Amino acid sequence: MGATLEALLALREIELQIAEIRRQLAAKERSVARQTEKLRAAEHTLEAGRADLKHTQVAADAADLDLKARDAHVARLRDTLNTVRTNKEYAAIMSQLNNEKADRTRQETRALELLGEVETKRKAVAEQEALVKEESQRLGNIKAQLEQSLASFSARLSALEQQRDAAASRLDGKVLDLFNRLSDRYEGEVMARVVQVHPRRQEFICDGCNMSLSAERANALLTRDEVQTCGSCGRILFMDKSR
């Protein structure tokens, strides 16, 4: 194996370590984003629940006021019964009183229903408030883990990037450009081993995509210090030193 492939393999090892650190950090950042959305959804549900509770409470308060007004009206009608002088007046007020009592009963039933709804919705809001608090705490924990990982990986990542720069300086500009393009595409998995399918036959495959390779391309890796790429996946090919 020539100096160019040796340098590429060294650079690949560094790139894979950098890519792994970045993958871990990206995963934690995605966790933060997911938990942020989860918290936002919980807060939206809480806001809607509070608005609904307020609306129901207003309706319950209005029903209670109406019930008190009807009670006052019933009391006035009863007082009026004591002052009527004729049976006709008595019958008219009595009819009015009975109608008012019937309306009051219906209104009382509705007021009780609204009070029940208020209590149910107040309980739901309290439960949602607890959920929002829990989700907020979980988000805080995940953010703390991300900050801890950033601090933990910072020195290591900085050292690796310096090593990468040093390793990259050993390569031709065109080769380095190819390496960087493939690194972006395959997240550091730039190179692929050439595998001989059968020890007695000149049959080879790319270990990156499992597509067949010509014997000429495989043998060129043993005789020339130049970059060979897989025609299928585009990765830079190499062969083990032991072969």
Protein backbone atom coordinates (compact mmCIF):
# COMPACT_ATOMS: atom_id res chain seq x y z
CA MET A 1 0.00 0.00 0.00
CA GLY A 2 1.41 3.36 -1.06
CA ALA A 3 1.85 6.53 0.95
CA THR A 4 -1.31 8.14 -0.43
CA LEU A 5 -3.58 5.30 0.70
CA GLU A 6 -1.77 5.11 4.03
CA ALA A 7 -2.44 8.82 4.54
CA LEU A 8 -6.09 8.39 3.46
CA LEU A 9 -6.61 5.53 5.90
CA ALA A 10 -5.10 7.58 8.72
CA LEU A 11 -7.32 10.51 7.82
CA ARG A 12 -10.35 8.21 7.65
CA GLU A 13 -9.77 6.93 11.18
CA ILE A 14 -9.67 10.49 12.47
CA GLU A 15 -12.73 11.45 10.41
CA LEU A 16 -14.71 8.49 11.76
CA GLN A 17 -13.98 9.55 15.34
CA ILE A 18 -15.05 13.11 14.57
CA ALA A 19 -18.19 11.84 12.82
CA GLU A 20 -19.09 9.64 15.79
CA ILE A 21 -18.79 12.56 18.21
CA ARG A 22 -20.90 14.73 15.92
CA ARG A 23 -23.50 11.97 15.60
CA GLN A 24 -23.79 11.72 19.36
CA LEU A 25 -24.14 15.47 19.71
CA ALA A 26 -26.65 15.63 16.87
CA ALA A 27 -28.71 12.89 18.52
CA LYS A 28 -28.83 14.87 21.76
CA GLU A 29 -29.75 18.04 19.86
CA ARG A 30 -32.61 16.14 18.19
CA SER A 31 -33.73 14.97 21.63
CA VAL A 32 -33.81 18.58 22.80
CA ALA A 33 -35.81 19.59 19.71
CA ARG A 34 -38.31 16.73 20.19
CA GLN A 35 -38.77 17.52 23.89
CA THR A 36 -39.18 21.21 23.10
CA GLU A 37 -42.00 20.36 20.69
CA LYS A 38 -43.54 18.02 23.26
CA LEU A 39 -43.46 20.77 25.89
CA ARG A 40 -44.91 23.29 23.43
CA ALA A 41 -47.80 20.92 22.63
CA ALA A 42 -48.46 20.36 26.35
CA GLU A 43 -48.45 24.12 26.97
CA HIS A 44 -50.87 24.64 24.07
CA THR A 45 -53.22 22.01 25.53
CA LEU A 46 -52.97 23.70 28.94
CA GLU A 47 -53.76 27.11 27.45
CA ALA A 48 -56.82 25.70 25.66
CA GLY A 49 -57.94 23.92 28.84
CA ARG A 50 -57.66 27.09 30.90
CA ALA A 51 -59.67 29.04 28.32
CA ASP A 52 -62.37 26.35 28.28
CA LEU A 53 -62.49 26.29 32.09
CA LYS A 54 -62.85 30.08 32.18
CA HIS A 55 -65.70 29.94 29.67
CA THR A 56 -67.51 27.24 31.66
CA GLN A 57 -66.95 29.11 34.93
CA VAL A 58 -68.50 32.23 33.43
CA ALA A 59 -71.52 30.19 32.31
CA ALA A 60 -71.81 28.61 35.77
CA ASP A 61 -71.63 32.02 37.47
CA ALA A 62 -74.31 33.35 35.11
CA ALA A 63 -76.53 30.33 35.85
CA ASP A 64 -76.09 30.89 39.60
CA LEU A 65 -77.07 34.58 39.27
CA ASP A 66 -80.10 33.63 37.22
CA LEU A 67 -81.09 31.07 39.85
CA LYS A 68 -80.86 33.69 42.60
CA ALA A 69 -82.96 36.08 40.51
CA ARG A 70 -85.63 33.40 40.04
CA ASP A 71 -85.62 32.69 43.79
CA ALA A 72 -86.23 36.38 44.43
CA HIS A 73 -89.02 36.42 41.87
CA VAL A 74 -90.67 33.36 43.46
CA ALA A 75 -90.47 35.04 46.86
CA ARG A 76 -92.16 38.18 45.48
CA LEU A 77 -94.93 36.11 43.87
CA ARG A 78 -95.55 34.35 47.20
CA ASP A 79 -95.77 37.69 48.93
CA THR A 80 -98.21 38.89 46.27
CA LEU A 81 -100.49 35.90 46.94
CA ASN A 82 -101.13 37.31 50.40
CA THR A 83 -102.40 40.58 48.99
CA VAL A 84 -104.74 39.47 46.18
CA ARG A 85 -108.46 40.17 46.61
CA THR A 86 -110.08 37.93 44.00
CA ASN A 87 -109.89 34.27 43.03
CA LYS A 88 -109.02 35.28 39.47
CA GLU A 89 -105.98 37.25 40.62
CA TYR A 90 -104.99 34.39 42.91
CA ALA A 91 -105.25 31.82 40.09
CA ALA A 92 -103.22 34.01 37.72
CA ILE A 93 -100.41 34.56 40.22
CA MET A 94 -100.49 30.90 41.24
CA SER A 95 -100.08 29.87 37.60
CA GLN A 96 -97.23 32.31 37.24
CA LEU A 97 -95.64 30.94 40.42
CA ASN A 98 -95.88 27.33 39.25
CA ASN A 99 -94.30 28.23 35.90
CA GLU A 100 -91.50 30.07 37.65
CA LYS A 101 -90.88 27.09 39.95
CA ALA A 102 -90.68 24.76 36.96
CA ASP A 103 -88.25 27.10 35.23
CA ARG A 104 -86.23 27.35 38.42
CA THR A 105 -85.95 23.57 38.68
CA ARG A 106 -84.65 23.36 35.13
CA GLN A 107 -82.23 26.19 35.77
CA GLU A 108 -81.04 24.56 38.99
CA THR A 109 -80.36 21.32 37.12
CA ARG A 110 -78.39 23.23 34.50
CA ALA A 111 -76.44 25.13 37.20
CA LEU A 112 -75.49 21.87 38.90
CA GLU A 113 -74.37 20.43 35.55
CA LEU A 114 -72.19 23.46 34.95
CA LEU A 115 -70.68 23.22 38.43
CA GLY A 116 -69.84 19.57 37.69
CA GLU A 117 -68.22 20.58 34.41
CA VAL A 118 -66.21 23.28 36.20
CA GLU A 119 -64.85 20.77 38.72
CA THR A 120 -64.02 18.23 35.99
CA LYS A 121 -62.25 20.83 33.88
CA ARG A 122 -60.45 22.30 36.87
CA LYS A 123 -59.09 18.84 37.65
CA ALA A 124 -58.04 18.36 34.02
CA VAL A 125 -56.24 21.72 34.04
CA ALA A 126 -54.41 20.78 37.25
CA GLU A 127 -53.32 17.50 35.71
CA GLN A 128 -52.15 19.30 32.56
CA GLU A 129 -50.24 21.82 34.68
CA ALA A 130 -48.46 18.92 36.36
CA LEU A 131 -47.69 17.41 32.95
CA VAL A 132 -46.28 20.72 31.66
CA LYS A 133 -44.07 20.96 34.75
CA GLU A 134 -42.87 17.39 34.21
CA GLU A 135 -42.14 17.98 30.51
CA SER A 136 -40.35 21.22 31.35
CA GLN A 137 -38.16 19.44 33.89
CA ARG A 138 -37.43 16.70 31.36
CA LEU A 139 -36.41 19.32 28.79
CA GLY A 140 -34.11 20.91 31.36
CA ASN A 141 -32.47 17.54 32.03
CA ILE A 142 -31.96 16.83 28.33
CA LYS A 143 -30.47 20.29 27.78
CA ALA A 144 -28.15 19.72 30.73
CA GLN A 145 -27.03 16.43 29.20
CA LEU A 146 -26.35 18.17 25.90
CA GLU A 147 -24.31 20.89 27.64
CA GLN A 148 -22.39 18.23 29.53
CA SER A 149 -21.66 16.34 26.30
CA LEU A 150 -20.56 19.53 24.55
CA ALA A 151 -18.16 20.28 27.39
CA SER A 152 -16.96 16.69 27.51
CA PHE A 153 -16.36 16.38 23.77
CA SER A 154 -15.01 19.89 23.22
CA ALA A 155 -11.37 19.15 24.01
CA ARG A 156 -11.45 15.78 22.25
CA LEU A 157 -13.06 17.24 19.15
CA SER A 158 -10.56 20.10 19.05
CA ALA A 159 -7.64 17.65 19.28
CA LEU A 160 -9.09 15.44 16.56
CA GLU A 161 -9.64 18.39 14.25
CA GLN A 162 -6.00 19.38 14.70
CA GLN A 163 -4.97 15.81 13.92
CA ARG A 164 -7.22 15.87 10.89
CA ASP A 165 -5.61 19.06 9.59
CA ALA A 166 -2.17 17.51 10.04
CA ALA A 167 -3.20 14.32 8.24
CA ALA A 168 -4.91 16.28 5.46
CA SER A 169 -1.73 18.26 4.80
CA ARG A 170 -0.10 15.03 3.61
CA LEU A 171 -2.56 14.68 0.72
CA ASP A 172 -2.80 16.24 -2.72
CA GLY A 173 -5.46 18.92 -3.00
CA LYS A 174 -7.61 16.99 -5.50
CA VAL A 175 -7.46 13.84 -3.41
CA LEU A 176 -8.40 15.81 -0.30
CA ASP A 177 -11.35 17.41 -2.12
CA LEU A 178 -12.57 13.94 -3.12
CA PHE A 179 -12.15 12.72 0.46
CA ASN A 180 -14.12 15.66 1.85
CA ARG A 181 -16.99 15.21 -0.62
CA LEU A 182 -17.24 11.52 0.22
CA SER A 183 -17.00 12.26 3.94
CA ASP A 184 -19.99 14.59 3.72
CA ARG A 185 -21.90 11.98 1.76
CA TYR A 186 -21.08 8.95 3.92
CA GLU A 187 -20.52 10.59 7.34
CA GLY A 188 -16.85 9.67 7.49
CA GLU A 189 -17.17 6.23 5.84
CA VAL A 190 -15.09 7.42 2.94
CA MET A 191 -13.17 4.26 2.18
CA ALA A 192 -14.15 0.69 1.42
CA ARG A 193 -12.09 -2.48 1.66
CA VAL A 194 -11.69 -4.62 -1.44
CA VAL A 195 -12.68 -8.17 -0.54
CA GLN A 196 -11.64 -11.24 -2.51
CA VAL A 197 -14.74 -13.43 -2.62
CA HIS A 198 -12.84 -16.69 -3.12
CA PRO A 199 -9.15 -17.19 -2.24
CA ARG A 200 -8.47 -19.07 -5.49
CA ARG A 201 -10.41 -16.90 -7.89
CA GLN A 202 -9.84 -13.34 -9.01
CA GLU A 203 -13.29 -12.19 -7.90
CA PHE A 204 -13.57 -9.04 -5.83
CA ILE A 205 -16.29 -6.90 -4.29
CA CYS A 206 -16.47 -3.50 -2.65
CA ASP A 207 -17.10 -3.96 1.07
CA GLY A 208 -18.99 -0.66 1.11
CA CYS A 209 -21.74 -1.57 -1.34
CA ASN A 210 -21.06 -5.29 -2.09
CA MET A 211 -20.84 -4.64 -5.82
CA SER A 212 -18.30 -6.54 -7.90
CA LEU A 213 -14.94 -5.03 -8.86
CA SER A 214 -12.64 -5.97 -11.70
CA ALA A 215 -9.43 -7.85 -10.95
CA GLU A 216 -7.52 -5.10 -12.72
CA ARG A 217 -8.79 -2.48 -10.30
CA ALA A 218 -8.00 -4.64 -7.31
CA ASN A 219 -4.51 -5.45 -8.53
CA ALA A 220 -3.82 -1.79 -9.27
CA LEU A 221 -4.16 -1.11 -5.56
CA LEU A 222 -1.26 -3.50 -4.94
CA THR A 223 1.03 -2.10 -7.59
CA ARG A 224 0.34 1.61 -7.81
CA ASP A 225 0.04 4.36 -5.24
CA GLU A 226 -3.02 6.01 -6.71
CA VAL A 227 -6.63 6.55 -5.73
CA GLN A 228 -9.11 4.00 -7.04
CA THR A 229 -12.83 4.48 -6.43
CA CYS A 230 -15.74 2.07 -6.58
CA GLY A 231 -17.77 2.54 -9.73
CA SER A 232 -20.99 1.94 -7.79
CA CYS A 233 -20.76 3.81 -4.49
CA GLY A 234 -17.79 6.06 -5.28
CA ARG A 235 -15.87 5.22 -2.09
CA ILE A 236 -12.07 5.17 -2.17
CA LEU A 237 -10.88 1.56 -2.33
CA PHE A 238 -8.09 -0.08 -0.35
CA MET A 239 -6.80 -3.58 0.33
CA ASP A 240 -5.49 -5.07 3.53
CA LYS A 241 -1.73 -5.11 3.89
CA SER A 242 -1.85 -8.83 4.56
CA ARG A 243 -3.00 -9.67 1.08
